[in-house]
Amino acid sequence: MNRKYELMLVLHPSVAAEDEKAQDELIGKLLGGQNLTVKKTVLGKKELSYPILKQTEGLYMLIELEGAAVKTDVVATSARVEENLLRYLLKRVN
């Protein structure tokens, strides 16, 4: 049974919205080599409601994941050490 997840990322504004190679590397680091189907949608740069790490805007990205199970602890550990990631939210859709 495949489960579906959504991962919302707020990236540092220095990450270019057009730089797909850097985005794919970041997604690979966050998922830690898990075998998942990934659909990525870049929502663009938006102003933040409040500053996060002294940043007032961020690049928003929505990633839809599908697979047997996502190891959420791997995503959380990877997110803490990633310097270009301001915030993330991972939720199970079904």
C-alpha atoms as a PDB file:
ATOM      1  CA  MET A   1       0.000   0.000   0.000  1.00  0.00           C
ATOM      2  CA  ASN A   2       1.490   3.296  -1.073  1.00  0.00           C
ATOM      3  CA  ARG A   3       1.041   6.309   1.143  1.00  0.00           C
ATOM      4  CA  LYS A   4       1.012   9.894  -0.041  1.00  0.00           C
ATOM      5  CA  TYR A   5       2.810  12.728   1.697  1.00  0.00           C
ATOM      6  CA  GLU A   6       3.267  16.440   1.107  1.00  0.00           C
ATOM      7  CA  LEU A   7       6.484  18.198   2.052  1.00  0.00           C
ATOM      8  CA  MET A   8       6.401  22.001   2.069  1.00  0.00           C
ATOM      9  CA  LEU A   9       9.788  23.705   2.113  1.00  0.00           C
ATOM     10  CA  VAL A  10      10.755  27.325   2.688  1.00  0.00           C
ATOM     11  CA  LEU A  11      14.245  27.784   1.294  1.00  0.00           C
ATOM     12  CA  HIS A  12      16.771  30.577   1.738  1.00  0.00           C
ATOM     13  CA  PRO A  13      16.089  33.370  -0.789  1.00  0.00           C
ATOM     14  CA  SER A  14      19.571  32.949  -2.299  1.00  0.00           C
ATOM     15  CA  VAL A  15      18.453  29.617  -3.838  1.00  0.00           C
ATOM     16  CA  ALA A  16      17.402  30.338  -7.427  1.00  0.00           C
ATOM     17  CA  ALA A  17      13.925  29.237  -8.447  1.00  0.00           C
ATOM     18  CA  GLU A  18      15.326  28.183 -11.850  1.00  0.00           C
ATOM     19  CA  ASP A  19      18.215  26.096 -10.450  1.00  0.00           C
ATOM     20  CA  GLU A  20      16.636  22.646 -10.729  1.00  0.00           C
ATOM     21  CA  LYS A  21      19.915  20.799 -10.123  1.00  0.00           C
ATOM     22  CA  ALA A  22      20.390  22.417  -6.693  1.00  0.00           C
ATOM     23  CA  GLN A  23      16.736  21.769  -5.822  1.00  0.00           C
ATOM     24  CA  ASP A  24      16.985  18.096  -6.799  1.00  0.00           C
ATOM     25  CA  GLU A  25      20.157  17.702  -4.724  1.00  0.00           C
ATOM     26  CA  LEU A  26      18.388  19.245  -1.727  1.00  0.00           C
ATOM     27  CA  ILE A  27      15.414  16.907  -2.117  1.00  0.00           C
ATOM     28  CA  GLY A  28      17.770  13.929  -2.381  1.00  0.00           C
ATOM     29  CA  LYS A  29      19.567  14.970   0.811  1.00  0.00           C
ATOM     30  CA  LEU A  30      16.303  15.440   2.692  1.00  0.00           C
ATOM     31  CA  LEU A  31      14.871  12.085   1.659  1.00  0.00           C
ATOM     32  CA  GLY A  32      18.103  10.234   2.411  1.00  0.00           C
ATOM     33  CA  GLY A  33      17.955   7.846  -0.530  1.00  0.00           C
ATOM     34  CA  GLN A  34      14.440   6.568   0.181  1.00  0.00           C
ATOM     35  CA  ASN A  35      12.734   4.990  -2.832  1.00  0.00           C
ATOM     36  CA  LEU A  36       9.831   7.398  -3.392  1.00  0.00           C
ATOM     37  CA  THR A  37       7.959   8.888  -6.323  1.00  0.00           C
ATOM     38  CA  VAL A  38       8.486  12.642  -6.236  1.00  0.00           C
ATOM     39  CA  LYS A  39       6.554  15.480  -7.857  1.00  0.00           C
ATOM     40  CA  LYS A  40       8.058  18.935  -7.290  1.00  0.00           C
ATOM     41  CA  THR A  41       6.275  22.271  -7.633  1.00  0.00           C
ATOM     42  CA  VAL A  42       8.189  25.526  -7.155  1.00  0.00           C
ATOM     43  CA  LEU A  43       5.779  28.173  -5.867  1.00  0.00           C
ATOM     44  CA  GLY A  44       8.250  31.044  -6.111  1.00  0.00           C
ATOM     45  CA  LYS A  45       9.682  33.625  -3.749  1.00  0.00           C
ATOM     46  CA  LYS A  46       7.260  35.114  -1.260  1.00  0.00           C
ATOM     47  CA  GLU A  47       7.542  37.530   1.630  1.00  0.00           C
ATOM     48  CA  LEU A  48       7.465  35.835   5.035  1.00  0.00           C
ATOM     49  CA  SER A  49       4.960  36.873   7.705  1.00  0.00           C
ATOM     50  CA  TYR A  50       7.805  37.184  10.204  1.00  0.00           C
ATOM     51  CA  PRO A  51      11.588  36.981   9.881  1.00  0.00           C
ATOM     52  CA  ILE A  52      13.144  33.520  10.040  1.00  0.00           C
ATOM     53  CA  LEU A  53      16.890  33.477  10.667  1.00  0.00           C
ATOM     54  CA  LYS A  54      16.961  37.202   9.749  1.00  0.00           C
ATOM     55  CA  GLN A  55      15.386  36.497   6.344  1.00  0.00           C
ATOM     56  CA  THR A  56      12.221  38.343   5.267  1.00  0.00           C
ATOM     57  CA  GLU A  57      11.491  36.305   2.134  1.00  0.00           C
ATOM     58  CA  GLY A  58      11.879  32.700   1.095  1.00  0.00           C
ATOM     59  CA  LEU A  59      11.504  30.351  -1.860  1.00  0.00           C
ATOM     60  CA  TYR A  60       8.487  28.078  -1.367  1.00  0.00           C
ATOM     61  CA  MET A  61       8.484  24.558  -2.776  1.00  0.00           C
ATOM     62  CA  LEU A  62       5.839  21.818  -2.524  1.00  0.00           C
ATOM     63  CA  ILE A  63       6.970  18.218  -2.925  1.00  0.00           C
ATOM     64  CA  GLU A  64       4.436  15.416  -3.269  1.00  0.00           C
ATOM     65  CA  LEU A  65       5.798  12.024  -2.213  1.00  0.00           C
ATOM     66  CA  GLU A  66       4.376   8.578  -2.769  1.00  0.00           C
ATOM     67  CA  GLY A  67       5.804   5.341  -1.462  1.00  0.00           C
ATOM     68  CA  ALA A  68       5.456   2.524   1.021  1.00  0.00           C
ATOM     69  CA  ALA A  69       6.482   4.727   3.953  1.00  0.00           C
ATOM     70  CA  VAL A  70       8.484   7.875   4.454  1.00  0.00           C
ATOM     71  CA  LYS A  71      11.016   7.750   7.259  1.00  0.00           C
ATOM     72  CA  THR A  72      10.096  11.025   8.925  1.00  0.00           C
ATOM     73  CA  ASP A  73      13.051  10.885  11.296  1.00  0.00           C
ATOM     74  CA  VAL A  74      15.439  10.865   8.312  1.00  0.00           C
ATOM     75  CA  VAL A  75      13.730  13.941   6.866  1.00  0.00           C
ATOM     76  CA  ALA A  76      13.796  15.747  10.246  1.00  0.00           C
ATOM     77  CA  THR A  77      17.478  14.992  10.838  1.00  0.00           C
ATOM     78  CA  SER A  78      18.448  16.071   7.326  1.00  0.00           C
ATOM     79  CA  ALA A  79      16.392  19.259   7.610  1.00  0.00           C
ATOM     80  CA  ARG A  80      18.183  20.353  10.778  1.00  0.00           C
ATOM     81  CA  VAL A  81      21.605  20.306   9.148  1.00  0.00           C
ATOM     82  CA  GLU A  82      20.616  21.783   5.769  1.00  0.00           C
ATOM     83  CA  GLU A  83      21.746  25.406   5.699  1.00  0.00           C
ATOM     84  CA  ASN A  84      19.500  26.530   2.808  1.00  0.00           C
ATOM     85  CA  LEU A  85      16.295  25.314   4.481  1.00  0.00           C
ATOM     86  CA  LEU A  86      14.468  27.814   6.676  1.00  0.00           C
ATOM     87  CA  ARG A  87      11.333  25.759   7.504  1.00  0.00           C
ATOM     88  CA  TYR A  88       9.650  22.513   6.465  1.00  0.00           C
ATOM     89  CA  LEU A  89       6.361  20.748   7.058  1.00  0.00           C
ATOM     90  CA  LEU A  90       5.762  17.077   6.276  1.00  0.00           C
ATOM     91  CA  LYS A  91       2.237  15.689   6.430  1.00  0.00           C
ATOM     92  CA  ARG A  92       0.573  12.465   5.375  1.00  0.00           C
ATOM     93  CA  VAL A  93      -2.258  13.031   2.924  1.00  0.00           C
ATOM     94  CA  ASN A  94      -3.903   9.605   3.151  1.00  0.00           C
END
